């Protein structure tokens, strides 16, 4: 383990936007329990696809996409607030 200083761009909640040295752009810190939930959501989609249940897979994927859109909006808002350009182009 190494003790370092990091820059915090949002509140230190479950999906904090932080920048670690020597990175140029911040990232999103996802807590382990949240990461496990995301993994479970993806597994649900894979299982629904394997069973041929396109409707369930679509519903689960739509919810997962909405969650990622919220996370990305939080990230983009933090960047904008601190005058940092996005490290990627506009979303489709």
N, C-alpha and C. Protein backbone atom coordinates (compact mmCIF):
# COMPACT_ATOMS: atom_id res chain seq x y z
N UNK A 1 0.85 -1.17 0.00
CA UNK A 1 0.00 0.00 0.00
C UNK A 1 0.89 1.23 0.00
N UNK A 2 0.44 2.25 -0.71
CA UNK A 2 1.17 3.51 -0.80
C UNK A 2 0.22 4.64 -0.44
N UNK A 3 0.64 5.52 0.42
CA UNK A 3 -0.15 6.67 0.82
C UNK A 3 0.16 7.82 -0.13
N UNK A 4 -0.88 8.35 -0.81
CA UNK A 4 -0.70 9.44 -1.77
C UNK A 4 -1.76 10.50 -1.55
N UNK A 5 -1.55 11.65 -2.14
CA UNK A 5 -2.58 12.69 -2.14
C UNK A 5 -3.33 12.61 -3.46
N UNK A 6 -4.62 12.83 -3.39
CA UNK A 6 -5.47 12.82 -4.58
C UNK A 6 -6.32 14.08 -4.56
N UNK A 7 -6.74 14.52 -5.74
CA UNK A 7 -7.63 15.67 -5.85
C UNK A 7 -9.07 15.17 -5.92
N UNK A 8 -9.93 15.73 -5.09
CA UNK A 8 -11.34 15.34 -5.03
C UNK A 8 -12.17 16.43 -5.69
N UNK A 9 -12.92 16.07 -6.74
CA UNK A 9 -13.70 17.03 -7.51
C UNK A 9 -15.18 17.04 -7.15
N UNK A 10 -15.64 16.05 -6.39
CA UNK A 10 -17.04 15.96 -5.95
C UNK A 10 -17.04 15.61 -4.47
N UNK A 11 -18.21 15.46 -3.92
CA UNK A 11 -18.28 14.98 -2.55
C UNK A 11 -17.70 13.56 -2.52
N UNK A 12 -17.22 13.12 -1.37
CA UNK A 12 -16.56 11.82 -1.32
C UNK A 12 -17.54 10.65 -1.23
N UNK A 13 -18.62 10.72 -1.97
CA UNK A 13 -19.64 9.68 -1.92
C UNK A 13 -19.25 8.43 -2.66
N UNK A 14 -20.26 7.67 -3.06
CA UNK A 14 -20.10 6.35 -3.64
C UNK A 14 -19.45 6.38 -5.02
N UNK A 15 -19.53 7.48 -5.72
CA UNK A 15 -18.96 7.57 -7.07
C UNK A 15 -18.20 8.88 -7.22
N UNK A 16 -17.24 9.06 -6.33
CA UNK A 16 -16.47 10.29 -6.28
C UNK A 16 -15.60 10.44 -7.53
N UNK A 17 -15.49 11.68 -7.98
CA UNK A 17 -14.61 12.00 -9.09
C UNK A 17 -13.30 12.48 -8.48
N UNK A 18 -12.23 11.75 -8.77
CA UNK A 18 -10.92 12.04 -8.18
C UNK A 18 -9.84 12.00 -9.26
N UNK A 19 -8.75 12.71 -8.98
CA UNK A 19 -7.60 12.62 -9.88
C UNK A 19 -6.41 12.16 -9.06
N UNK A 20 -5.80 11.10 -9.53
CA UNK A 20 -4.62 10.55 -8.88
C UNK A 20 -3.37 11.01 -9.62
N UNK A 21 -2.30 11.27 -8.89
CA UNK A 21 -1.07 11.62 -9.58
C UNK A 21 -0.53 10.38 -10.27
N UNK A 22 0.05 10.47 -11.40
CA UNK A 22 0.34 11.62 -12.24
C UNK A 22 -0.67 11.78 -13.36
N UNK A 23 -1.88 11.28 -13.19
CA UNK A 23 -2.90 11.30 -14.25
C UNK A 23 -3.28 12.73 -14.62
N UNK A 24 -3.56 12.94 -15.91
CA UNK A 24 -3.99 14.27 -16.36
C UNK A 24 -5.48 14.47 -16.10
N UNK A 25 -6.27 13.42 -16.35
CA UNK A 25 -7.71 13.52 -16.18
C UNK A 25 -8.17 12.78 -14.92
N UNK A 26 -9.22 13.29 -14.30
CA UNK A 26 -9.80 12.58 -13.15
C UNK A 26 -10.46 11.28 -13.60
N UNK A 27 -10.77 10.46 -12.63
CA UNK A 27 -11.52 9.23 -12.85
C UNK A 27 -12.66 9.16 -11.86
N UNK A 28 -13.37 8.07 -11.89
CA UNK A 28 -14.50 7.86 -10.98
C UNK A 28 -14.15 6.70 -10.07
N UNK A 29 -14.24 6.93 -8.78
CA UNK A 29 -13.99 5.88 -7.80
C UNK A 29 -15.30 5.16 -7.52
N UNK A 30 -15.34 3.88 -7.86
CA UNK A 30 -16.54 3.08 -7.62
C UNK A 30 -16.23 2.14 -6.46
N UNK A 31 -17.03 2.19 -5.44
CA UNK A 31 -16.84 1.34 -4.27
C UNK A 31 -17.05 -0.12 -4.64
N UNK A 32 -16.43 -1.01 -3.91
CA UNK A 32 -16.48 -2.43 -4.20
C UNK A 32 -17.88 -3.02 -4.23
N UNK A 33 -18.74 -2.58 -3.31
CA UNK A 33 -20.10 -3.12 -3.31
C UNK A 33 -20.86 -2.66 -4.55
N UNK A 34 -20.62 -1.43 -4.98
CA UNK A 34 -21.26 -0.93 -6.19
C UNK A 34 -20.72 -1.67 -7.42
N UNK A 35 -19.43 -1.94 -7.45
CA UNK A 35 -18.84 -2.69 -8.55
C UNK A 35 -19.45 -4.09 -8.63
N UNK A 36 -19.68 -4.70 -7.48
CA UNK A 36 -20.31 -6.01 -7.45
C UNK A 36 -21.74 -5.96 -8.00
N UNK A 37 -22.45 -4.90 -7.69
CA UNK A 37 -23.83 -4.73 -8.20
C UNK A 37 -23.80 -4.58 -9.72
N UNK A 38 -22.87 -3.77 -10.23
CA UNK A 38 -22.75 -3.59 -11.69
C UNK A 38 -22.46 -4.93 -12.35
N UNK A 39 -21.54 -5.69 -11.77
CA UNK A 39 -21.22 -7.00 -12.31
C UNK A 39 -22.45 -7.90 -12.33
N UNK A 40 -23.24 -7.85 -11.27
CA UNK A 40 -24.47 -8.63 -11.20
C UNK A 40 -25.47 -8.22 -12.27
N UNK A 41 -25.55 -6.92 -12.53
CA UNK A 41 -26.44 -6.43 -13.59
C UNK A 41 -26.02 -6.95 -14.95
N UNK A 42 -24.72 -6.93 -15.22
CA UNK A 42 -24.22 -7.44 -16.49
C UNK A 42 -24.47 -8.95 -16.59
N UNK A 43 -24.26 -9.67 -15.51
CA UNK A 43 -24.51 -11.11 -15.50
C UNK A 43 -25.99 -11.41 -15.78
N UNK A 44 -26.88 -10.58 -15.26
CA UNK A 44 -28.31 -10.74 -15.52
C UNK A 44 -28.61 -10.59 -17.01
N UNK A 45 -27.97 -9.63 -17.65
CA UNK A 45 -28.17 -9.43 -19.09
C UNK A 45 -27.64 -10.62 -19.87
N UNK A 46 -26.45 -11.10 -19.51
CA UNK A 46 -25.85 -12.25 -20.19
C UNK A 46 -26.76 -13.48 -20.03
N UNK A 47 -27.27 -13.70 -18.84
CA UNK A 47 -28.15 -14.84 -18.59
C UNK A 47 -29.43 -14.74 -19.40
N UNK A 48 -30.02 -13.56 -19.44
CA UNK A 48 -31.25 -13.37 -20.22
C UNK A 48 -30.99 -13.63 -21.70
N UNK A 49 -29.84 -13.16 -22.20
CA UNK A 49 -29.48 -13.41 -23.60
C UNK A 49 -29.30 -14.91 -23.85
N UNK A 50 -28.63 -15.59 -22.92
CA UNK A 50 -28.39 -17.03 -23.07
C UNK A 50 -29.70 -17.82 -23.11
N UNK A 51 -30.70 -17.32 -22.39
CA UNK A 51 -32.00 -17.98 -22.35
C UNK A 51 -32.92 -17.51 -23.48
N UNK A 52 -32.42 -16.59 -24.30
CA UNK A 52 -33.22 -16.09 -25.42
C UNK A 52 -34.29 -15.10 -25.00
N UNK A 53 -34.21 -14.58 -23.80
CA UNK A 53 -35.20 -13.63 -23.30
C UNK A 53 -34.75 -12.20 -23.63
N UNK A 54 -35.00 -11.82 -24.86
CA UNK A 54 -34.54 -10.52 -25.35
C UNK A 54 -35.20 -9.38 -24.59
N UNK A 55 -36.46 -9.52 -24.23
CA UNK A 55 -37.16 -8.45 -23.53
C UNK A 55 -36.53 -8.18 -22.15
N UNK A 56 -36.28 -9.24 -21.39
CA UNK A 56 -35.63 -9.05 -20.08
C UNK A 56 -34.23 -8.49 -20.23
N UNK A 57 -33.50 -8.99 -21.22
CA UNK A 57 -32.13 -8.49 -21.46
C UNK A 57 -32.18 -7.01 -21.81
N UNK A 58 -33.11 -6.63 -22.65
CA UNK A 58 -33.24 -5.22 -23.05
C UNK A 58 -33.59 -4.34 -21.87
N UNK A 59 -34.53 -4.79 -21.04
CA UNK A 59 -34.91 -4.00 -19.86
C UNK A 59 -33.74 -3.83 -18.90
N UNK A 60 -33.02 -4.91 -18.64
CA UNK A 60 -31.88 -4.84 -17.73
C UNK A 60 -30.78 -3.96 -18.32
N UNK A 61 -30.53 -4.08 -19.62
CA UNK A 61 -29.50 -3.26 -20.28
C UNK A 61 -29.90 -1.79 -20.28
N UNK A 62 -31.18 -1.51 -20.45
CA UNK A 62 -31.66 -0.13 -20.43
C UNK A 62 -31.44 0.50 -19.07
N UNK A 63 -31.72 -0.24 -18.00
CA UNK A 63 -31.48 0.27 -16.64
C UNK A 63 -30.00 0.48 -16.37
N UNK A 64 -29.18 -0.47 -16.83
CA UNK A 64 -27.73 -0.34 -16.65
C UNK A 64 -27.20 0.88 -17.40
N UNK A 65 -27.67 1.08 -18.63
CA UNK A 65 -27.26 2.23 -19.42
C UNK A 65 -27.67 3.53 -18.74
N UNK A 66 -28.88 3.57 -18.19
CA UNK A 66 -29.34 4.78 -17.48
C UNK A 66 -28.44 5.08 -16.27
N UNK A 67 -28.03 4.03 -15.56
CA UNK A 67 -27.13 4.22 -14.42
C UNK A 67 -25.77 4.76 -14.86
N UNK A 68 -25.26 4.21 -15.97
CA UNK A 68 -23.98 4.71 -16.49
C UNK A 68 -24.11 6.13 -17.02
N UNK A 69 -25.25 6.45 -17.62
CA UNK A 69 -25.48 7.83 -18.09
C UNK A 69 -25.46 8.81 -16.92
N UNK A 70 -26.07 8.43 -15.80
CA UNK A 70 -26.05 9.29 -14.60
C UNK A 70 -24.62 9.46 -14.08
N UNK A 71 -23.88 8.38 -14.06
CA UNK A 71 -22.50 8.42 -13.59
C UNK A 71 -21.65 9.30 -14.51
N UNK A 72 -21.83 9.14 -15.80
CA UNK A 72 -21.07 9.94 -16.76
C UNK A 72 -21.47 11.42 -16.67
N UNK A 73 -22.74 11.70 -16.44
CA UNK A 73 -23.19 13.09 -16.29
C UNK A 73 -22.56 13.72 -15.05
N UNK A 74 -22.45 12.95 -13.98
CA UNK A 74 -21.80 13.45 -12.75
C UNK A 74 -20.32 13.76 -13.03
N UNK A 75 -19.67 12.86 -13.75
CA UNK A 75 -18.27 13.04 -14.11
C UNK A 75 -18.11 14.30 -14.96
N UNK A 76 -18.94 14.43 -16.00
CA UNK A 76 -18.84 15.58 -16.90
C UNK A 76 -19.14 16.88 -16.18
N UNK A 77 -20.08 16.86 -15.26
CA UNK A 77 -20.40 18.05 -14.48
C UNK A 77 -19.22 18.47 -13.61
N UNK A 78 -18.56 17.49 -13.00
CA UNK A 78 -17.39 17.79 -12.17
C UNK A 78 -16.27 18.39 -13.01
N UNK A 79 -16.06 17.84 -14.20
CA UNK A 79 -15.03 18.38 -15.08
C UNK A 79 -15.36 19.82 -15.46
N UNK A 80 -16.61 20.04 -15.86
CA UNK A 80 -17.02 21.39 -16.28
C UNK A 80 -16.87 22.39 -15.13
N UNK A 81 -17.28 22.00 -13.95
CA UNK A 81 -17.19 22.86 -12.77
C UNK A 81 -15.75 23.31 -12.53
N UNK A 82 -14.80 22.45 -12.84
CA UNK A 82 -13.39 22.74 -12.56
C UNK A 82 -12.60 23.13 -13.81
N UNK A 83 -13.33 23.42 -14.90
CA UNK A 83 -12.69 23.91 -16.11
C UNK A 83 -11.80 22.90 -16.81
N UNK A 84 -12.16 21.63 -16.72
CA UNK A 84 -11.37 20.58 -17.37
C UNK A 84 -12.16 20.05 -18.56
N UNK A 85 -11.52 20.01 -19.73
CA UNK A 85 -12.17 19.46 -20.91
C UNK A 85 -12.27 17.95 -20.79
N UNK A 86 -13.32 17.39 -21.37
CA UNK A 86 -13.50 15.94 -21.35
C UNK A 86 -12.40 15.25 -22.14
N UNK A 87 -11.98 14.07 -21.70
CA UNK A 87 -10.95 13.33 -22.42
C UNK A 87 -11.51 12.52 -23.59
N UNK A 88 -12.71 12.86 -24.04
CA UNK A 88 -13.38 12.16 -25.11
C UNK A 88 -14.34 13.13 -25.78
N UNK A 89 -14.82 12.75 -26.96
CA UNK A 89 -15.73 13.59 -27.72
C UNK A 89 -17.16 13.53 -27.20
N UNK A 90 -18.07 14.18 -27.93
CA UNK A 90 -19.48 14.16 -27.52
C UNK A 90 -20.05 12.74 -27.55
N UNK A 91 -21.02 12.54 -26.68
CA UNK A 91 -21.69 11.23 -26.63
C UNK A 91 -22.67 11.10 -27.77
N UNK A 92 -22.84 9.88 -28.21
CA UNK A 92 -23.81 9.60 -29.28
C UNK A 92 -25.19 9.44 -28.70
